[in-house]
């Protein structure tokens, strides 16, 4: 019995020496700046510092598990305000949009660049592209949502459409024939009078050049 106690004491002593060596090695690495990152620490650092708006939430009820720093910057919500709440409670999106997203995720497990509207804390609305990936951890399903703000792009696109429509209205109001050709004599623009006079459709003119006349 005495021998067993001695062996146990020696075993503890060896374990303690091993731990001391590990701590000494860790201290040396720390001084040299060589401490290895744990995967969890690395994940959190990359996640928090990502330039994208990222939200991790539970699929079942939409409860938010974590958000990136950029989410806080863009949305106006602090991390403390967001975590534990749902996107619906924060009024980030309409419930029908979430239902549609959940339906796609359950069917496909992911989606990419789906155009949605996101509401900020101050009530303003952004047009965004949303990409989602489904993750299963234990018995729970989670979604990683990456959001890209395309509001400036949409505004520029809308302006171009309005400008195009205005130009078309002006061109069609001109008397007589009107058309524009490029350096290879292909038709770029024309008015309704030109279509009526030639008898060609817009689709046919797109495949023609002026030499075809």
C-alpha atoms as a PDB file:
ATOM      1  CA  UNK A   1       0.000   0.000   0.000  1.00  0.00           C
ATOM      2  CA  UNK A   2       2.918   2.295   0.835  1.00  0.00           C
ATOM      3  CA  UNK A   3       4.436   1.516  -2.582  1.00  0.00           C
ATOM      4  CA  UNK A   4       1.171   2.386  -4.335  1.00  0.00           C
ATOM      5  CA  UNK A   5       1.020   5.732  -2.540  1.00  0.00           C
ATOM      6  CA  UNK A   6       4.639   6.395  -3.483  1.00  0.00           C
ATOM      7  CA  UNK A   7       3.990   5.520  -7.129  1.00  0.00           C
ATOM      8  CA  UNK A   8       0.965   7.818  -7.183  1.00  0.00           C
ATOM      9  CA  UNK A   9       3.018  10.636  -5.702  1.00  0.00           C
ATOM     10  CA  UNK A  10       5.757  10.088  -8.301  1.00  0.00           C
ATOM     11  CA  UNK A  11       3.128  10.103 -11.063  1.00  0.00           C
ATOM     12  CA  UNK A  12       1.747  13.421  -9.833  1.00  0.00           C
ATOM     13  CA  UNK A  13       5.269  14.794  -9.583  1.00  0.00           C
ATOM     14  CA  UNK A  14       6.019  13.796 -13.211  1.00  0.00           C
ATOM     15  CA  UNK A  15       2.737  15.352 -14.358  1.00  0.00           C
ATOM     16  CA  UNK A  16       3.568  18.568 -12.506  1.00  0.00           C
ATOM     17  CA  UNK A  17       7.041  18.697 -14.071  1.00  0.00           C
ATOM     18  CA  UNK A  18       5.519  18.184 -17.514  1.00  0.00           C
ATOM     19  CA  UNK A  19       3.049  21.029 -16.930  1.00  0.00           C
ATOM     20  CA  UNK A  20       5.861  23.313 -15.718  1.00  0.00           C
ATOM     21  CA  UNK A  21       7.808  22.596 -18.918  1.00  0.00           C
ATOM     22  CA  UNK A  22       4.718  23.366 -21.001  1.00  0.00           C
ATOM     23  CA  UNK A  23       4.260  26.686 -19.204  1.00  0.00           C
ATOM     24  CA  UNK A  24       7.946  27.516 -19.617  1.00  0.00           C
ATOM     25  CA  UNK A  25       7.705  26.720 -23.337  1.00  0.00           C
ATOM     26  CA  UNK A  26       4.548  28.833 -23.642  1.00  0.00           C
ATOM     27  CA  UNK A  27       6.273  31.702 -21.852  1.00  0.00           C
ATOM     28  CA  UNK A  28       9.221  31.470 -24.262  1.00  0.00           C
ATOM     29  CA  UNK A  29       6.901  31.416 -27.264  1.00  0.00           C
ATOM     30  CA  UNK A  30       5.017  34.399 -25.894  1.00  0.00           C
ATOM     31  CA  UNK A  31       8.242  36.398 -25.620  1.00  0.00           C
ATOM     32  CA  UNK A  32       9.116  35.434 -29.182  1.00  0.00           C
ATOM     33  CA  UNK A  33       5.609  36.140 -30.450  1.00  0.00           C
ATOM     34  CA  UNK A  34       5.098  32.491 -31.480  1.00  0.00           C
ATOM     35  CA  UNK A  35       1.998  31.554 -29.469  1.00  0.00           C
ATOM     36  CA  UNK A  36      -0.258  29.411 -31.689  1.00  0.00           C
ATOM     37  CA  UNK A  37      -3.861  30.578 -32.052  1.00  0.00           C
ATOM     38  CA  UNK A  38      -6.640  28.278 -30.962  1.00  0.00           C
ATOM     39  CA  UNK A  39      -9.183  27.636 -33.689  1.00  0.00           C
ATOM     40  CA  UNK A  40     -11.904  29.292 -31.609  1.00  0.00           C
ATOM     41  CA  UNK A  41      -9.817  32.419 -31.014  1.00  0.00           C
ATOM     42  CA  UNK A  42      -8.882  32.604 -34.691  1.00  0.00           C
ATOM     43  CA  UNK A  43     -12.529  32.155 -35.755  1.00  0.00           C
ATOM     44  CA  UNK A  44     -13.707  34.953 -33.488  1.00  0.00           C
ATOM     45  CA  UNK A  45     -10.951  37.318 -34.587  1.00  0.00           C
ATOM     46  CA  UNK A  46     -11.657  36.727 -38.295  1.00  0.00           C
ATOM     47  CA  UNK A  47     -15.414  36.835 -37.772  1.00  0.00           C
ATOM     48  CA  UNK A  48     -15.472  40.044 -35.753  1.00  0.00           C
ATOM     49  CA  UNK A  49     -13.001  41.877 -38.015  1.00  0.00           C
ATOM     50  CA  UNK A  50     -14.589  40.812 -41.300  1.00  0.00           C
ATOM     51  CA  UNK A  51     -15.409  43.762 -43.612  1.00  0.00           C
ATOM     52  CA  UNK A  52     -18.737  42.054 -44.370  1.00  0.00           C
ATOM     53  CA  UNK A  53     -21.986  42.160 -42.463  1.00  0.00           C
ATOM     54  CA  UNK A  54     -22.282  38.665 -40.957  1.00  0.00           C
ATOM     55  CA  UNK A  55     -25.000  37.228 -38.744  1.00  0.00           C
ATOM     56  CA  UNK A  56     -25.063  33.757 -37.174  1.00  0.00           C
ATOM     57  CA  UNK A  57     -28.547  32.728 -36.082  1.00  0.00           C
ATOM     58  CA  UNK A  58     -30.528  29.651 -35.179  1.00  0.00           C
ATOM     59  CA  UNK A  59     -32.664  28.417 -38.057  1.00  0.00           C
ATOM     60  CA  UNK A  60     -35.577  27.259 -35.919  1.00  0.00           C
ATOM     61  CA  UNK A  61     -36.515  30.595 -34.383  1.00  0.00           C
ATOM     62  CA  UNK A  62     -34.074  33.077 -35.955  1.00  0.00           C
ATOM     63  CA  UNK A  63     -32.432  33.910 -32.622  1.00  0.00           C
ATOM     64  CA  UNK A  64     -29.115  35.690 -33.244  1.00  0.00           C
ATOM     65  CA  UNK A  65     -26.047  33.914 -31.875  1.00  0.00           C
ATOM     66  CA  UNK A  66     -23.295  36.299 -33.014  1.00  0.00           C
ATOM     67  CA  UNK A  67     -22.694  39.276 -35.336  1.00  0.00           C
ATOM     68  CA  UNK A  68     -19.647  40.852 -36.954  1.00  0.00           C
ATOM     69  CA  UNK A  69     -18.380  44.321 -36.087  1.00  0.00           C
ATOM     70  CA  UNK A  70     -19.517  45.508 -39.504  1.00  0.00           C
ATOM     71  CA  UNK A  71     -23.081  44.450 -38.667  1.00  0.00           C
ATOM     72  CA  UNK A  72     -23.014  46.794 -35.675  1.00  0.00           C
ATOM     73  CA  UNK A  73     -21.519  49.595 -37.763  1.00  0.00           C
ATOM     74  CA  UNK A  74     -24.065  49.197 -40.573  1.00  0.00           C
ATOM     75  CA  UNK A  75     -27.231  48.418 -38.625  1.00  0.00           C
ATOM     76  CA  UNK A  76     -26.758  50.757 -35.665  1.00  0.00           C
ATOM     77  CA  UNK A  77     -27.373  47.925 -33.172  1.00  0.00           C
ATOM     78  CA  UNK A  78     -24.714  47.055 -30.631  1.00  0.00           C
ATOM     79  CA  UNK A  79     -23.680  43.422 -30.203  1.00  0.00           C
ATOM     80  CA  UNK A  80     -25.434  43.358 -26.833  1.00  0.00           C
ATOM     81  CA  UNK A  81     -28.668  44.621 -28.411  1.00  0.00           C
ATOM     82  CA  UNK A  82     -28.566  42.043 -31.208  1.00  0.00           C
ATOM     83  CA  UNK A  83     -27.449  38.795 -29.570  1.00  0.00           C
ATOM     84  CA  UNK A  84     -30.335  36.793 -28.162  1.00  0.00           C
ATOM     85  CA  UNK A  85     -32.925  38.643 -30.249  1.00  0.00           C
ATOM     86  CA  UNK A  86     -34.398  37.643 -33.586  1.00  0.00           C
ATOM     87  CA  UNK A  87     -34.191  39.625 -36.820  1.00  0.00           C
ATOM     88  CA  UNK A  88     -37.965  40.092 -36.604  1.00  0.00           C
ATOM     89  CA  UNK A  89     -37.734  41.504 -33.067  1.00  0.00           C
ATOM     90  CA  UNK A  90     -35.066  43.942 -34.251  1.00  0.00           C
ATOM     91  CA  UNK A  91     -37.242  44.711 -37.293  1.00  0.00           C
ATOM     92  CA  UNK A  92     -34.328  43.940 -39.618  1.00  0.00           C
ATOM     93  CA  UNK A  93     -36.583  42.336 -42.212  1.00  0.00           C
ATOM     94  CA  UNK A  94     -40.185  41.499 -42.823  1.00  0.00           C
ATOM     95  CA  UNK A  95     -41.478  38.162 -41.538  1.00  0.00           C
ATOM     96  CA  UNK A  96     -42.509  37.088 -45.067  1.00  0.00           C
ATOM     97  CA  UNK A  97     -38.899  37.566 -46.222  1.00  0.00           C
ATOM     98  CA  UNK A  98     -37.638  35.328 -43.401  1.00  0.00           C
ATOM     99  CA  UNK A  99     -40.253  32.684 -44.228  1.00  0.00           C
ATOM    100  CA  UNK A 100     -39.114  32.672 -47.847  1.00  0.00           C
ATOM    101  CA  UNK A 101     -35.443  32.437 -46.810  1.00  0.00           C
ATOM    102  CA  UNK A 102     -36.104  29.572 -44.379  1.00  0.00           C
ATOM    103  CA  UNK A 103     -38.041  27.717 -47.063  1.00  0.00           C
ATOM    104  CA  UNK A 104     -35.101  27.947 -49.507  1.00  0.00           C
ATOM    105  CA  UNK A 105     -32.556  26.953 -46.841  1.00  0.00           C
ATOM    106  CA  UNK A 106     -34.560  23.895 -45.764  1.00  0.00           C
ATOM    107  CA  UNK A 107     -34.862  22.833 -49.388  1.00  0.00           C
ATOM    108  CA  UNK A 108     -31.333  23.597 -50.676  1.00  0.00           C
ATOM    109  CA  UNK A 109     -29.204  24.153 -47.570  1.00  0.00           C
ATOM    110  CA  UNK A 110     -27.975  27.487 -48.926  1.00  0.00           C
ATOM    111  CA  UNK A 111     -28.569  30.322 -51.342  1.00  0.00           C
ATOM    112  CA  UNK A 112     -26.411  32.995 -52.920  1.00  0.00           C
ATOM    113  CA  UNK A 113     -26.932  36.702 -53.689  1.00  0.00           C
ATOM    114  CA  UNK A 114     -30.652  36.883 -53.025  1.00  0.00           C
ATOM    115  CA  UNK A 115     -31.861  40.489 -53.214  1.00  0.00           C
ATOM    116  CA  UNK A 116     -33.610  41.560 -50.005  1.00  0.00           C
ATOM    117  CA  UNK A 117     -34.359  44.730 -48.062  1.00  0.00           C
ATOM    118  CA  UNK A 118     -32.801  45.225 -44.616  1.00  0.00           C
ATOM    119  CA  UNK A 119     -34.056  47.821 -42.177  1.00  0.00           C
ATOM    120  CA  UNK A 120     -31.573  49.647 -39.932  1.00  0.00           C
ATOM    121  CA  UNK A 121     -32.073  50.786 -36.356  1.00  0.00           C
ATOM    122  CA  UNK A 122     -32.916  54.331 -37.497  1.00  0.00           C
ATOM    123  CA  UNK A 123     -35.663  52.976 -39.770  1.00  0.00           C
ATOM    124  CA  UNK A 124     -33.899  53.523 -43.093  1.00  0.00           C
ATOM    125  CA  UNK A 125     -33.942  50.622 -45.572  1.00  0.00           C
ATOM    126  CA  UNK A 126     -31.009  49.217 -47.545  1.00  0.00           C
ATOM    127  CA  UNK A 127     -31.151  47.033 -50.644  1.00  0.00           C
ATOM    128  CA  UNK A 128     -28.814  44.110 -50.084  1.00  0.00           C
ATOM    129  CA  UNK A 129     -27.553  40.872 -51.567  1.00  0.00           C
ATOM    130  CA  UNK A 130     -27.837  38.073 -49.021  1.00  0.00           C
ATOM    131  CA  UNK A 131     -25.958  34.768 -49.075  1.00  0.00           C
ATOM    132  CA  UNK A 132     -26.726  32.030 -46.539  1.00  0.00           C
ATOM    133  CA  UNK A 133     -25.147  28.702 -45.593  1.00  0.00           C
ATOM    134  CA  UNK A 134     -26.755  26.106 -43.302  1.00  0.00           C
ATOM    135  CA  UNK A 135     -24.623  24.588 -40.519  1.00  0.00           C
ATOM    136  CA  UNK A 136     -25.613  21.751 -38.192  1.00  0.00           C
ATOM    137  CA  UNK A 137     -23.908  21.785 -34.783  1.00  0.00           C
ATOM    138  CA  UNK A 138     -25.014  18.995 -32.485  1.00  0.00           C
ATOM    139  CA  UNK A 139     -28.774  18.823 -32.789  1.00  0.00           C
ATOM    140  CA  UNK A 140     -29.191  22.484 -33.751  1.00  0.00           C
ATOM    141  CA  UNK A 141     -29.317  24.063 -37.208  1.00  0.00           C
ATOM    142  CA  UNK A 142     -27.665  27.460 -37.619  1.00  0.00           C
ATOM    143  CA  UNK A 143     -27.367  29.840 -40.547  1.00  0.00           C
ATOM    144  CA  UNK A 144     -24.410  32.018 -41.461  1.00  0.00           C
ATOM    145  CA  UNK A 145     -25.752  35.070 -43.292  1.00  0.00           C
ATOM    146  CA  UNK A 146     -23.416  37.365 -45.259  1.00  0.00           C
ATOM    147  CA  UNK A 147     -24.965  40.642 -46.403  1.00  0.00           C
ATOM    148  CA  UNK A 148     -23.618  43.060 -49.028  1.00  0.00           C
ATOM    149  CA  UNK A 149     -25.122  46.548 -49.276  1.00  0.00           C
ATOM    150  CA  UNK A 150     -25.939  47.364 -52.914  1.00  0.00           C
ATOM    151  CA  UNK A 151     -28.078  50.452 -52.216  1.00  0.00           C
ATOM    152  CA  UNK A 152     -25.751  52.883 -54.073  1.00  0.00           C
ATOM    153  CA  UNK A 153     -25.622  50.490 -57.048  1.00  0.00           C
ATOM    154  CA  UNK A 154     -29.424  50.197 -57.131  1.00  0.00           C
ATOM    155  CA  UNK A 155     -29.825  53.969 -56.994  1.00  0.00           C
ATOM    156  CA  UNK A 156     -27.388  54.389 -59.890  1.00  0.00           C
ATOM    157  CA  UNK A 157     -29.218  51.661 -61.815  1.00  0.00           C
ATOM    158  CA  UNK A 158     -32.584  53.341 -61.219  1.00  0.00           C
ATOM    159  CA  UNK A 159     -31.156  56.664 -62.409  1.00  0.00           C
ATOM    160  CA  UNK A 160     -29.874  55.040 -65.603  1.00  0.00           C
ATOM    161  CA  UNK A 161     -33.263  53.440 -66.250  1.00  0.00           C
ATOM    162  CA  UNK A 162     -35.028  56.777 -65.770  1.00  0.00           C
ATOM    163  CA  UNK A 163     -32.511  58.489 -68.059  1.00  0.00           C
ATOM    164  CA  UNK A 164     -32.975  55.755 -70.679  1.00  0.00           C
ATOM    165  CA  UNK A 165     -36.763  56.054 -70.523  1.00  0.00           C
ATOM    166  CA  UNK A 166     -36.560  59.832 -70.807  1.00  0.00           C
ATOM    167  CA  UNK A 167     -34.229  59.586 -73.825  1.00  0.00           C
ATOM    168  CA  UNK A 168     -36.553  57.071 -75.495  1.00  0.00           C
ATOM    169  CA  UNK A 169     -39.538  59.391 -74.965  1.00  0.00           C
ATOM    170  CA  UNK A 170     -37.687  62.346 -76.473  1.00  0.00           C
ATOM    171  CA  UNK A 171     -36.436  60.315 -79.460  1.00  0.00           C
ATOM    172  CA  UNK A 172     -39.903  58.917 -80.189  1.00  0.00           C
ATOM    173  CA  UNK A 173     -41.383  62.422 -80.107  1.00  0.00           C
ATOM    174  CA  UNK A 174     -39.068  63.613 -82.906  1.00  0.00           C
ATOM    175  CA  UNK A 175     -40.731  64.102 -86.329  1.00  0.00           C
ATOM    176  CA  UNK A 176     -39.451  62.079 -89.279  1.00  0.00           C
ATOM    177  CA  UNK A 177     -36.858  59.344 -89.120  1.00  0.00           C
ATOM    178  CA  UNK A 178     -34.242  59.096 -86.387  1.00  0.00           C
ATOM    179  CA  UNK A 179     -31.547  56.477 -85.925  1.00  0.00           C
ATOM    180  CA  UNK A 180     -27.997  56.153 -84.581  1.00  0.00           C
ATOM    181  CA  UNK A 181     -25.379  53.762 -85.962  1.00  0.00           C
ATOM    182  CA  UNK A 182     -21.946  52.747 -84.657  1.00  0.00           C
ATOM    183  CA  UNK A 183     -18.604  52.662 -86.508  1.00  0.00           C
ATOM    184  CA  UNK A 184     -19.579  49.345 -88.105  1.00  0.00           C
ATOM    185  CA  UNK A 185     -22.900  50.796 -89.327  1.00  0.00           C
ATOM    186  CA  UNK A 186     -24.967  48.736 -86.902  1.00  0.00           C
ATOM    187  CA  UNK A 187     -28.143  50.265 -85.511  1.00  0.00           C
ATOM    188  CA  UNK A 188     -27.937  51.466 -81.905  1.00  0.00           C
ATOM    189  CA  UNK A 189     -31.044  53.624 -81.463  1.00  0.00           C
ATOM    190  CA  UNK A 190     -34.095  54.507 -83.561  1.00  0.00           C
ATOM    191  CA  UNK A 191     -37.528  56.040 -83.183  1.00  0.00           C
ATOM    192  CA  UNK A 192     -40.971  54.586 -83.811  1.00  0.00           C
ATOM    193  CA  UNK A 193     -41.297  56.464 -87.115  1.00  0.00           C
ATOM    194  CA  UNK A 194     -38.258  54.595 -88.457  1.00  0.00           C
ATOM    195  CA  UNK A 195     -39.779  51.243 -87.468  1.00  0.00           C
ATOM    196  CA  UNK A 196     -43.115  52.099 -89.066  1.00  0.00           C
ATOM    197  CA  UNK A 197     -41.513  53.323 -92.293  1.00  0.00           C
ATOM    198  CA  UNK A 198     -39.138  50.358 -92.722  1.00  0.00           C
ATOM    199  CA  UNK A 199     -41.549  47.708 -91.490  1.00  0.00           C
ATOM    200  CA  UNK A 200     -38.848  46.043 -89.439  1.00  0.00           C
ATOM    201  CA  UNK A 201     -39.201  45.134 -85.778  1.00  0.00           C
ATOM    202  CA  UNK A 202     -36.751  46.296 -83.090  1.00  0.00           C
ATOM    203  CA  UNK A 203     -35.427  42.717 -82.792  1.00  0.00           C
ATOM    204  CA  UNK A 204     -34.723  42.602 -86.550  1.00  0.00           C
ATOM    205  CA  UNK A 205     -32.936  45.965 -86.545  1.00  0.00           C
ATOM    206  CA  UNK A 206     -30.642  44.760 -83.747  1.00  0.00           C
ATOM    207  CA  UNK A 207     -29.328  42.085 -86.121  1.00  0.00           C
ATOM    208  CA  UNK A 208     -28.909  44.444 -89.093  1.00  0.00           C
ATOM    209  CA  UNK A 209     -26.643  47.235 -90.265  1.00  0.00           C
ATOM    210  CA  UNK A 210     -27.441  50.092 -92.594  1.00  0.00           C
ATOM    211  CA  UNK A 211     -25.907  48.283 -95.600  1.00  0.00           C
ATOM    212  CA  UNK A 212     -28.757  45.778 -95.347  1.00  0.00           C
ATOM    213  CA  UNK A 213     -31.028  48.490 -96.708  1.00  0.00           C
END
